[in-house]
């Protein structure tokens, strides 16, 4: 009898794992922005970045979100500001070309709302930060993940300013990622 159960377990694929959702991020319709309160507007986008969202089970909590932005691709609309931001006092793009966020834990806070806890690295310095996101389905297989992470730039060695410009320490990073599900079911959520 035990051999029959073992044979059945080996021959019948796991229903749960065959339904693990797979997504692709549609980069042309996605963006990563940042903003810092200052006496002169400092805001912009990263022109070059990659992001990956994958699941290890059918459940939302198993998701892993990785984002990598190229520091030198910053575009604030001003060559002068971009030069300062890429320099050693801010992003230090020459020595640390990548800005990364690697999720470690996803906590559902409401229907389609999550706190994504992860390691944020900039200028070669890493601290744990939280990205607060919502998922807005547009179609059954497509939708936007939009969210914000707020950090203190001093935690990453960005203690300098720009002459004649007063800059806040609080930095806001906004993401808007268009997701397209290529296989599997929609991730299973907890009922709020």
N, C-alpha and C. Protein backbone atom coordinates (compact mmCIF):
# COMPACT_ATOMS: atom_id res chain seq x y z
N UNK A 1 0.82 -1.20 0.00
CA UNK A 1 0.00 0.00 0.00
C UNK A 1 0.87 1.27 0.00
N UNK A 2 1.93 1.28 0.81
CA UNK A 2 2.81 2.44 0.85
C UNK A 2 3.47 2.68 -0.50
N UNK A 3 3.81 1.59 -1.21
CA UNK A 3 4.43 1.74 -2.52
C UNK A 3 3.48 2.38 -3.51
N UNK A 4 2.18 2.07 -3.39
CA UNK A 4 1.19 2.67 -4.28
C UNK A 4 1.12 4.18 -4.06
N UNK A 5 1.08 4.60 -2.78
CA UNK A 5 1.04 6.03 -2.47
C UNK A 5 2.30 6.74 -2.95
N UNK A 6 3.45 6.10 -2.75
CA UNK A 6 4.71 6.70 -3.19
C UNK A 6 4.74 6.86 -4.70
N UNK A 7 4.30 5.83 -5.41
CA UNK A 7 4.27 5.89 -6.87
C UNK A 7 3.32 6.99 -7.34
N UNK A 8 2.17 7.10 -6.68
CA UNK A 8 1.19 8.13 -7.06
C UNK A 8 1.76 9.52 -6.81
N UNK A 9 2.47 9.69 -5.70
CA UNK A 9 3.04 11.00 -5.37
C UNK A 9 4.10 11.41 -6.38
N UNK A 10 4.86 10.42 -6.87
CA UNK A 10 5.91 10.73 -7.84
C UNK A 10 5.36 11.00 -9.23
N UNK A 11 4.25 10.34 -9.59
CA UNK A 11 3.70 10.45 -10.93
C UNK A 11 2.77 11.64 -11.10
N UNK A 12 2.08 12.06 -10.02
CA UNK A 12 1.13 13.15 -10.12
C UNK A 12 1.83 14.45 -9.76
N UNK A 13 1.91 15.41 -10.67
CA UNK A 13 2.60 16.67 -10.34
C UNK A 13 1.86 17.43 -9.27
N UNK A 14 2.59 18.22 -8.51
CA UNK A 14 1.98 19.04 -7.47
C UNK A 14 1.13 20.13 -8.12
N UNK A 15 -0.15 20.16 -7.75
CA UNK A 15 -1.06 21.15 -8.32
C UNK A 15 -0.61 22.56 -7.94
N UNK A 16 -0.22 22.75 -6.67
CA UNK A 16 0.18 24.07 -6.20
C UNK A 16 1.36 24.63 -6.97
N UNK A 17 2.41 23.82 -7.11
CA UNK A 17 3.61 24.34 -7.75
C UNK A 17 3.44 24.48 -9.26
N UNK A 18 2.49 23.75 -9.86
CA UNK A 18 2.27 23.94 -11.29
C UNK A 18 1.55 25.25 -11.56
N UNK A 19 1.03 25.87 -10.49
CA UNK A 19 0.29 27.12 -10.65
C UNK A 19 1.06 28.34 -10.12
N UNK A 20 2.36 28.19 -9.93
CA UNK A 20 3.17 29.32 -9.47
C UNK A 20 3.11 30.43 -10.52
N UNK A 21 2.75 31.63 -10.12
CA UNK A 21 2.64 32.73 -11.09
C UNK A 21 4.02 33.16 -11.61
N UNK A 22 4.04 33.49 -12.88
CA UNK A 22 5.24 34.02 -13.51
C UNK A 22 4.88 35.35 -14.17
N UNK A 23 5.67 36.37 -13.86
CA UNK A 23 5.41 37.71 -14.38
C UNK A 23 6.62 38.22 -15.16
N UNK A 24 6.36 39.08 -16.13
CA UNK A 24 7.41 39.87 -16.74
C UNK A 24 7.09 41.33 -16.48
N UNK A 25 8.12 42.14 -16.33
CA UNK A 25 7.94 43.58 -16.12
C UNK A 25 8.12 44.28 -17.46
N UNK A 26 7.11 45.04 -17.85
CA UNK A 26 7.12 45.73 -19.14
C UNK A 26 7.84 47.07 -18.95
N UNK A 27 9.14 47.06 -19.23
CA UNK A 27 9.98 48.22 -18.93
C UNK A 27 9.56 49.50 -19.64
N UNK A 28 9.19 49.48 -20.93
CA UNK A 28 8.85 50.75 -21.57
C UNK A 28 7.67 51.48 -20.93
N UNK A 29 6.81 50.75 -20.22
CA UNK A 29 5.65 51.37 -19.58
C UNK A 29 5.81 51.42 -18.05
N UNK A 30 7.05 51.34 -17.59
CA UNK A 30 7.35 51.38 -16.16
C UNK A 30 8.38 52.48 -15.92
N UNK A 31 8.51 52.90 -14.65
CA UNK A 31 9.50 53.94 -14.35
C UNK A 31 9.90 53.92 -12.88
N UNK A 32 11.07 54.49 -12.63
CA UNK A 32 11.57 54.67 -11.27
C UNK A 32 11.95 56.14 -11.13
N UNK A 33 11.29 56.84 -10.21
CA UNK A 33 11.50 58.28 -9.99
C UNK A 33 12.08 58.52 -8.60
N UNK A 34 12.60 59.71 -8.40
CA UNK A 34 13.02 60.11 -7.06
C UNK A 34 12.74 61.60 -6.89
N UNK A 35 12.66 62.00 -5.62
CA UNK A 35 12.40 63.41 -5.32
C UNK A 35 13.00 63.75 -3.96
N UNK A 36 13.59 64.94 -3.87
CA UNK A 36 14.12 65.45 -2.62
C UNK A 36 13.59 66.86 -2.46
N UNK A 37 13.02 67.17 -1.30
CA UNK A 37 12.60 68.54 -1.06
C UNK A 37 13.84 69.43 -0.98
N UNK A 38 13.80 70.53 -1.71
CA UNK A 38 14.95 71.44 -1.73
C UNK A 38 14.46 72.82 -2.14
N UNK A 39 15.32 73.82 -1.89
CA UNK A 39 14.95 75.18 -2.26
C UNK A 39 14.90 75.34 -3.78
N UNK A 40 15.58 74.45 -4.48
CA UNK A 40 15.48 74.34 -5.95
C UNK A 40 15.06 72.91 -6.22
N UNK A 41 14.06 72.71 -7.05
CA UNK A 41 13.51 71.37 -7.28
C UNK A 41 14.59 70.36 -7.65
N UNK A 42 14.61 69.24 -6.92
CA UNK A 42 15.50 68.13 -7.25
C UNK A 42 14.63 66.88 -7.37
N UNK A 43 14.38 66.49 -8.60
CA UNK A 43 13.56 65.32 -8.89
C UNK A 43 13.99 64.78 -10.24
N UNK A 44 13.77 63.51 -10.46
CA UNK A 44 14.15 62.95 -11.74
C UNK A 44 13.82 61.49 -11.86
N UNK A 45 14.35 60.88 -12.90
CA UNK A 45 14.12 59.47 -13.19
C UNK A 45 15.46 58.80 -13.43
N UNK A 46 15.44 57.47 -13.35
CA UNK A 46 16.59 56.68 -13.78
C UNK A 46 16.24 56.12 -15.15
N UNK A 47 17.09 56.42 -16.12
CA UNK A 47 16.83 56.01 -17.50
C UNK A 47 17.17 54.53 -17.73
N UNK A 48 18.12 54.00 -16.96
CA UNK A 48 18.55 52.61 -17.14
C UNK A 48 18.36 51.85 -15.83
N UNK A 49 17.54 50.82 -15.88
CA UNK A 49 17.27 50.01 -14.70
C UNK A 49 16.71 48.66 -15.13
N UNK A 50 16.75 47.70 -14.23
CA UNK A 50 16.13 46.40 -14.44
C UNK A 50 15.37 46.03 -13.18
N UNK A 51 14.35 45.20 -13.35
CA UNK A 51 13.59 44.73 -12.19
C UNK A 51 13.12 43.31 -12.47
N UNK A 52 13.01 42.53 -11.43
CA UNK A 52 12.56 41.15 -11.56
C UNK A 52 11.63 40.83 -10.39
N UNK A 53 10.50 40.22 -10.71
CA UNK A 53 9.56 39.75 -9.69
C UNK A 53 9.32 38.28 -9.94
N UNK A 54 9.64 37.45 -8.96
CA UNK A 54 9.37 36.02 -9.13
C UNK A 54 8.84 35.42 -7.83
N UNK A 55 8.17 34.29 -7.97
CA UNK A 55 7.53 33.60 -6.86
C UNK A 55 8.11 32.20 -6.73
N UNK A 56 8.18 31.70 -5.50
CA UNK A 56 8.63 30.33 -5.27
C UNK A 56 7.47 29.41 -4.92
N UNK A 57 6.31 30.01 -4.60
CA UNK A 57 5.07 29.26 -4.33
C UNK A 57 3.93 30.07 -4.94
N UNK A 58 2.70 29.54 -4.92
CA UNK A 58 1.58 30.32 -5.44
C UNK A 58 1.17 31.49 -4.55
N UNK A 59 1.79 31.66 -3.38
CA UNK A 59 1.35 32.66 -2.42
C UNK A 59 2.13 33.97 -2.55
N UNK A 60 1.43 35.08 -2.32
CA UNK A 60 2.03 36.41 -2.43
C UNK A 60 3.28 36.54 -1.59
N UNK A 61 3.26 35.99 -0.38
CA UNK A 61 4.37 36.16 0.57
C UNK A 61 5.68 35.56 0.06
N UNK A 62 5.62 34.69 -0.94
CA UNK A 62 6.85 34.08 -1.46
C UNK A 62 7.51 34.92 -2.54
N UNK A 63 6.91 36.05 -2.88
CA UNK A 63 7.45 36.88 -3.96
C UNK A 63 8.79 37.49 -3.57
N UNK A 64 9.64 37.65 -4.57
CA UNK A 64 10.93 38.31 -4.40
C UNK A 64 11.01 39.40 -5.47
N UNK A 65 11.25 40.63 -5.04
CA UNK A 65 11.36 41.77 -5.95
C UNK A 65 12.79 42.30 -5.89
N UNK A 66 13.45 42.32 -7.04
CA UNK A 66 14.80 42.87 -7.15
C UNK A 66 14.78 44.01 -8.15
N UNK A 67 15.38 45.14 -7.77
CA UNK A 67 15.47 46.31 -8.65
C UNK A 67 16.91 46.80 -8.66
N UNK A 68 17.43 47.06 -9.85
CA UNK A 68 18.78 47.62 -9.99
C UNK A 68 18.71 48.81 -10.93
N UNK A 69 19.14 49.98 -10.44
CA UNK A 69 19.19 51.19 -11.26
C UNK A 69 20.65 51.57 -11.47
N UNK A 70 20.96 52.03 -12.66
CA UNK A 70 22.31 52.52 -12.95
C UNK A 70 22.39 53.98 -12.49
N UNK A 71 23.25 54.23 -11.52
CA UNK A 71 23.34 55.57 -10.92
C UNK A 71 23.66 56.64 -11.95
N UNK A 72 24.47 56.31 -12.92
CA UNK A 72 24.88 57.29 -13.93
C UNK A 72 23.76 57.62 -14.91
N UNK A 73 22.65 56.89 -14.85
CA UNK A 73 21.54 57.14 -15.78
C UNK A 73 20.54 58.15 -15.22
N UNK A 74 20.88 58.78 -14.09
CA UNK A 74 19.97 59.74 -13.48
C UNK A 74 19.69 60.89 -14.44
N UNK A 75 18.43 61.29 -14.50
CA UNK A 75 18.04 62.40 -15.37
C UNK A 75 17.09 63.30 -14.60
N UNK A 76 17.60 64.46 -14.20
CA UNK A 76 16.80 65.43 -13.46
C UNK A 76 16.30 66.55 -14.37
N UNK A 77 16.69 66.47 -15.64
CA UNK A 77 16.34 67.55 -16.57
C UNK A 77 17.34 68.68 -16.57
N UNK A 78 18.39 68.55 -15.77
CA UNK A 78 19.42 69.58 -15.68
C UNK A 78 20.79 68.91 -15.68
N UNK A 79 21.62 69.24 -16.64
CA UNK A 79 22.96 68.67 -16.70
C UNK A 79 23.78 69.01 -15.47
N UNK A 80 23.61 70.21 -14.94
CA UNK A 80 24.34 70.64 -13.75
C UNK A 80 23.95 69.78 -12.54
N UNK A 81 22.63 69.60 -12.34
CA UNK A 81 22.17 68.77 -11.22
C UNK A 81 22.60 67.32 -11.40
N UNK A 82 22.49 66.80 -12.64
CA UNK A 82 22.88 65.42 -12.90
C UNK A 82 24.34 65.20 -12.56
N UNK A 83 25.18 66.16 -12.94
CA UNK A 83 26.61 66.05 -12.63
C UNK A 83 26.86 65.98 -11.14
N UNK A 84 26.15 66.81 -10.37
CA UNK A 84 26.29 66.79 -8.90
C UNK A 84 25.79 65.46 -8.33
N UNK A 85 24.63 64.99 -8.81
CA UNK A 85 24.06 63.75 -8.29
C UNK A 85 24.94 62.54 -8.59
N UNK A 86 25.57 62.51 -9.75
CA UNK A 86 26.45 61.40 -10.10
C UNK A 86 27.77 61.45 -9.36
N UNK A 87 28.14 62.61 -8.83
CA UNK A 87 29.45 62.82 -8.21
C UNK A 87 29.62 62.12 -6.87
N UNK A 88 30.83 62.25 -6.34
CA UNK A 88 31.23 61.52 -5.13
C UNK A 88 30.46 61.94 -3.88
N UNK A 89 29.88 63.13 -3.86
CA UNK A 89 29.16 63.58 -2.67
C UNK A 89 27.73 63.04 -2.61
N UNK A 90 27.24 62.52 -3.74
CA UNK A 90 25.88 61.97 -3.76
C UNK A 90 25.92 60.51 -4.21
N UNK A 91 25.54 60.18 -5.44
CA UNK A 91 25.45 58.77 -5.85
C UNK A 91 26.80 58.09 -6.01
N UNK A 92 27.85 58.85 -6.25
CA UNK A 92 29.19 58.29 -6.47
C UNK A 92 29.15 57.20 -7.55
N UNK A 93 28.57 57.56 -8.70
CA UNK A 93 28.32 56.60 -9.77
C UNK A 93 29.60 55.95 -10.31
N UNK A 94 30.71 56.66 -10.25
CA UNK A 94 31.96 56.09 -10.77
C UNK A 94 32.42 54.90 -9.94
N UNK A 95 32.37 55.03 -8.62
CA UNK A 95 32.85 53.95 -7.74
C UNK A 95 31.78 52.93 -7.39
N UNK A 96 30.53 53.34 -7.37
CA UNK A 96 29.42 52.43 -7.04
C UNK A 96 28.31 52.64 -8.07
N UNK A 97 28.45 52.02 -9.23
CA UNK A 97 27.54 52.32 -10.35
C UNK A 97 26.10 51.84 -10.19
N UNK A 98 25.85 50.91 -9.26
CA UNK A 98 24.50 50.36 -9.15
C UNK A 98 23.82 50.74 -7.84
N UNK A 99 22.55 51.07 -7.94
CA UNK A 99 21.68 51.30 -6.79
C UNK A 99 20.70 50.12 -6.79
N UNK A 100 20.63 49.38 -5.69
CA UNK A 100 19.82 48.15 -5.70
C UNK A 100 18.84 48.09 -4.53
N UNK A 101 17.76 47.38 -4.77
CA UNK A 101 16.82 47.01 -3.72
C UNK A 101 16.56 45.52 -3.89
N UNK A 102 16.79 44.75 -2.83
CA UNK A 102 16.58 43.29 -2.83
C UNK A 102 15.60 42.95 -1.71
N UNK A 103 14.42 42.52 -2.08
CA UNK A 103 13.41 42.25 -1.06
C UNK A 103 13.76 41.00 -0.25
N UNK A 104 13.38 41.02 1.02
CA UNK A 104 13.60 39.90 1.93
C UNK A 104 12.29 39.34 2.47
N UNK A 105 11.28 40.21 2.51
CA UNK A 105 10.01 39.80 3.12
C UNK A 105 8.90 40.68 2.57
N UNK A 106 7.74 40.04 2.30
CA UNK A 106 6.57 40.78 1.83
C UNK A 106 5.44 40.54 2.81
N UNK A 107 4.86 41.64 3.31
CA UNK A 107 3.78 41.56 4.29
C UNK A 107 2.54 42.19 3.67
N UNK A 108 1.46 41.42 3.60
CA UNK A 108 0.20 41.98 3.09
C UNK A 108 -0.42 42.84 4.17
N UNK A 109 -0.75 44.09 3.83
CA UNK A 109 -1.31 45.03 4.81
C UNK A 109 -2.80 45.30 4.58
N UNK A 110 -3.28 45.03 3.37
CA UNK A 110 -4.69 45.17 3.01
C UNK A 110 -4.85 44.49 1.66
N UNK A 111 -6.06 44.46 1.14
CA UNK A 111 -6.26 43.86 -0.17
C UNK A 111 -5.42 44.62 -1.20
N UNK A 112 -4.51 43.92 -1.86
CA UNK A 112 -3.64 44.48 -2.90
C UNK A 112 -2.69 45.56 -2.40
N UNK A 113 -2.40 45.57 -1.08
CA UNK A 113 -1.43 46.51 -0.50
C UNK A 113 -0.41 45.71 0.32
N UNK A 114 0.87 46.10 0.18
CA UNK A 114 1.94 45.32 0.79
C UNK A 114 3.07 46.21 1.29
N UNK A 115 3.75 45.73 2.33
CA UNK A 115 5.02 46.30 2.75
C UNK A 115 6.11 45.34 2.30
N UNK A 116 7.02 45.83 1.48
CA UNK A 116 8.11 45.00 0.96
C UNK A 116 9.39 45.43 1.67
N UNK A 117 9.88 44.57 2.54
CA UNK A 117 11.07 44.86 3.33
C UNK A 117 12.28 44.30 2.60
N UNK A 118 13.31 45.12 2.45
CA UNK A 118 14.48 44.63 1.72
C UNK A 118 15.73 45.41 2.03
N UNK A 119 16.82 44.99 1.41
CA UNK A 119 18.11 45.66 1.55
C UNK A 119 18.26 46.67 0.42
N UNK A 120 18.45 47.92 0.79
CA UNK A 120 18.65 49.00 -0.18
C UNK A 120 20.11 49.40 -0.12
N UNK A 121 20.76 49.40 -1.29
CA UNK A 121 22.18 49.72 -1.36
C UNK A 121 22.40 50.88 -2.32
N UNK A 122 23.13 51.88 -1.82
CA UNK A 122 23.53 53.02 -2.65
C UNK A 122 24.89 53.49 -2.13
N UNK A 123 25.78 53.86 -3.03
CA UNK A 123 27.14 54.26 -2.64
C UNK A 123 27.87 53.13 -1.92
N UNK A 124 27.49 51.87 -2.18
CA UNK A 124 28.13 50.73 -1.53
C UNK A 124 27.70 50.52 -0.09
N UNK A 125 26.73 51.30 0.39
CA UNK A 125 26.24 51.17 1.76
C UNK A 125 24.84 50.56 1.73
N UNK A 126 24.59 49.62 2.64
CA UNK A 126 23.32 48.89 2.65
C UNK A 126 22.60 49.07 3.98
N UNK A 127 21.31 49.37 3.90
CA UNK A 127 20.44 49.43 5.07
C UNK A 127 19.10 48.80 4.70
N UNK A 128 18.41 48.31 5.71
CA UNK A 128 17.07 47.76 5.47
C UNK A 128 16.08 48.90 5.31
N UNK A 129 15.26 48.83 4.28
CA UNK A 129 14.23 49.83 4.02
C UNK A 129 12.94 49.11 3.65
N UNK A 130 11.84 49.86 3.68
CA UNK A 130 10.54 49.30 3.34
C UNK A 130 9.94 50.05 2.16
N UNK A 131 9.55 49.29 1.17
CA UNK A 131 8.87 49.81 0.00
C UNK A 131 7.39 49.49 0.17
N UNK A 132 6.54 50.51 0.25
CA UNK A 132 5.10 50.31 0.44
C UNK A 132 4.45 50.36 -0.93
N UNK A 133 3.78 49.24 -1.31
CA UNK A 133 3.25 49.15 -2.68
C UNK A 133 1.78 48.74 -2.69
N UNK A 134 1.15 49.06 -3.80
CA UNK A 134 -0.20 48.57 -4.09
C UNK A 134 -0.17 47.94 -5.47
N UNK A 135 -1.05 46.98 -5.66
CA UNK A 135 -1.18 46.35 -6.98
C UNK A 135 -2.54 46.74 -7.53
N UNK A 136 -2.55 47.31 -8.73
CA UNK A 136 -3.79 47.73 -9.38
C UNK A 136 -3.97 46.93 -10.66
N UNK A 137 -4.84 45.89 -10.63
CA UNK A 137 -5.03 45.11 -11.85
C UNK A 137 -5.80 45.91 -12.90
N UNK A 138 -5.26 45.95 -14.11
CA UNK A 138 -5.92 46.61 -15.22
C UNK A 138 -6.74 45.61 -16.03
N UNK A 139 -6.17 44.41 -16.17
CA UNK A 139 -6.79 43.30 -16.89
C UNK A 139 -6.51 42.04 -16.07
N UNK A 140 -7.13 40.90 -16.40
CA UNK A 140 -6.86 39.69 -15.61
C UNK A 140 -5.39 39.31 -15.53
N UNK A 141 -4.63 39.58 -16.59
CA UNK A 141 -3.23 39.17 -16.61
C UNK A 141 -2.25 40.34 -16.56
N UNK A 142 -2.73 41.54 -16.23
CA UNK A 142 -1.85 42.70 -16.28
C UNK A 142 -2.26 43.73 -15.25
N UNK A 143 -1.28 44.42 -14.71
CA UNK A 143 -1.57 45.47 -13.74
C UNK A 143 -0.31 46.20 -13.32
N UNK A 144 -0.48 47.24 -12.53
CA UNK A 144 0.64 48.07 -12.07
C UNK A 144 0.93 47.84 -10.60
N UNK A 145 2.21 47.70 -10.28
CA UNK A 145 2.68 47.77 -8.90
C UNK A 145 3.25 49.18 -8.74
N UNK A 146 2.62 49.94 -7.85
CA UNK A 146 3.06 51.31 -7.60
C UNK A 146 3.41 51.44 -6.12
N UNK A 147 4.49 52.14 -5.84
CA UNK A 147 4.87 52.25 -4.44
C UNK A 147 5.93 53.30 -4.18
N UNK A 148 6.24 53.45 -2.90
CA UNK A 148 7.22 54.46 -2.48
C UNK A 148 8.08 53.93 -1.35
N UNK A 149 9.34 54.29 -1.42
CA UNK A 149 10.29 54.03 -0.34
C UNK A 149 10.87 55.38 0.07
N UNK A 150 10.98 55.62 1.35
CA UNK A 150 11.53 56.87 1.87
C UNK A 150 12.77 56.52 2.69
N UNK A 151 13.87 57.24 2.43
CA UNK A 151 15.08 56.99 3.22
C UNK A 151 15.77 58.31 3.55
N UNK A 152 16.63 58.25 4.55
CA UNK A 152 17.43 59.40 4.98
C UNK A 152 18.78 59.31 4.27
N UNK A 153 19.10 60.29 3.46
CA UNK A 153 20.32 60.23 2.65
C UNK A 153 21.59 60.19 3.52
N UNK A 154 21.51 60.70 4.76
CA UNK A 154 22.68 60.69 5.64
C UNK A 154 23.10 59.28 6.01
N UNK A 155 22.13 58.34 6.02
CA UNK A 155 22.45 56.93 6.33
C UNK A 155 23.38 56.33 5.28
N UNK A 156 23.47 56.97 4.14
CA UNK A 156 24.27 56.45 3.03
C UNK A 156 25.45 57.37 2.69
N UNK A 157 25.84 58.18 3.66
CA UNK A 157 27.01 59.02 3.49
C UNK A 157 26.80 60.25 2.63
N UNK A 158 25.56 60.58 2.31
CA UNK A 158 25.28 61.77 1.50
C UNK A 158 25.00 62.94 2.44
N UNK A 159 26.05 63.45 3.02
CA UNK A 159 25.90 64.50 4.03
C UNK A 159 26.17 65.89 3.48
N UNK A 160 26.62 65.98 2.24
CA UNK A 160 26.92 67.28 1.64
C UNK A 160 25.69 67.89 0.99
N UNK A 161 25.79 69.13 0.65
CA UNK A 161 24.73 69.83 -0.06
C UNK A 161 25.23 70.36 -1.38
N UNK A 162 24.47 71.27 -1.93
CA UNK A 162 24.86 71.97 -3.16
C UNK A 162 24.91 73.44 -2.81
N UNK A 163 25.98 74.14 -3.19
CA UNK A 163 26.09 75.56 -2.84
C UNK A 163 24.84 76.35 -3.22
N UNK A 164 24.36 77.14 -2.26
CA UNK A 164 23.19 78.02 -2.41
C UNK A 164 21.87 77.27 -2.54
N UNK A 165 21.89 75.96 -2.31
CA UNK A 165 20.65 75.17 -2.39
C UNK A 165 20.46 74.43 -1.07
N UNK A 166 19.34 74.62 -0.44
CA UNK A 166 19.03 73.90 0.80
C UNK A 166 18.34 72.59 0.43
N UNK A 167 18.90 71.46 0.89
CA UNK A 167 18.39 70.14 0.52
C UNK A 167 17.96 69.39 1.77
N UNK A 168 16.76 68.81 1.73
CA UNK A 168 16.27 67.99 2.85
C UNK A 168 17.03 66.67 2.89
N UNK A 169 16.99 66.01 4.03
CA UNK A 169 17.63 64.69 4.17
C UNK A 169 16.73 63.57 3.67
N UNK A 170 15.43 63.83 3.65
CA UNK A 170 14.44 62.81 3.27
C UNK A 170 14.38 62.68 1.74
N UNK A 171 14.58 61.46 1.26
CA UNK A 171 14.53 61.17 -0.17
C UNK A 171 13.37 60.21 -0.43
N UNK A 172 12.57 60.50 -1.43
CA UNK A 172 11.46 59.63 -1.82
C UNK A 172 11.78 58.96 -3.14
N UNK A 173 11.63 57.65 -3.18
CA UNK A 173 11.81 56.90 -4.42
C UNK A 173 10.47 56.27 -4.76
N UNK A 174 9.98 56.55 -5.96
CA UNK A 174 8.69 56.02 -6.41
C UNK A 174 8.91 55.04 -7.55
N UNK A 175 8.17 53.92 -7.49
CA UNK A 175 8.22 52.96 -8.59
C UNK A 175 6.83 52.82 -9.18
N UNK A 176 6.79 52.55 -10.47
CA UNK A 176 5.55 52.23 -11.18
C UNK A 176 5.93 51.16 -12.19
N UNK A 177 5.64 49.90 -11.85
CA UNK A 177 6.03 48.78 -12.68
C UNK A 177 4.79 48.14 -13.30
N UNK A 178 4.77 48.04 -14.62
CA UNK A 178 3.68 47.34 -15.30
C UNK A 178 4.04 45.86 -15.36
N UNK A 179 3.18 45.03 -14.77
CA UNK A 179 3.42 43.59 -14.73
C UNK A 179 2.50 42.88 -15.71
N UNK A 180 3.04 41.89 -16.39
CA UNK A 180 2.23 41.04 -17.27
C UNK A 180 2.46 39.60 -16.83
N UNK A 181 1.37 38.92 -16.46
CA UNK A 181 1.49 37.52 -16.04
C UNK A 181 1.58 36.63 -17.27
N UNK A 182 2.64 35.84 -17.33
CA UNK A 182 2.86 34.99 -18.49
C UNK A 182 2.43 33.54 -18.26
N UNK A 183 2.31 33.13 -16.99
CA UNK A 183 1.82 31.78 -16.69
C UNK A 183 1.40 31.71 -15.23
N UNK A 184 0.71 30.63 -14.89
CA UNK A 184 0.24 30.43 -13.52
C UNK A 184 -0.97 31.29 -13.21
N UNK A 185 -1.50 31.09 -12.01
CA UNK A 185 -2.65 31.85 -11.56
C UNK A 185 -2.21 33.14 -10.87
N UNK A 186 -3.18 34.01 -10.60
CA UNK A 186 -2.88 35.19 -9.80
C UNK A 186 -2.40 34.73 -8.43
N UNK A 187 -1.38 35.39 -7.85
CA UNK A 187 -0.87 34.97 -6.53
C UNK A 187 -1.99 34.94 -5.48
N UNK A 188 -1.93 33.95 -4.62
CA UNK A 188 -2.94 33.77 -3.59
C UNK A 188 -2.65 34.73 -2.44
N UNK A 189 -3.67 35.50 -2.05
CA UNK A 189 -3.55 36.48 -0.97
C UNK A 189 -4.29 36.00 0.27
N UNK A 190 -3.94 36.57 1.40
CA UNK A 190 -4.72 36.37 2.61
C UNK A 190 -6.00 37.21 2.48
N UNK A 191 -7.06 36.74 3.10
CA UNK A 191 -8.29 37.53 3.13
C UNK A 191 -8.15 38.55 4.24
N UNK A 192 -8.23 39.87 3.90
CA UNK A 192 -8.03 40.89 4.95
C UNK A 192 -9.18 40.90 5.95
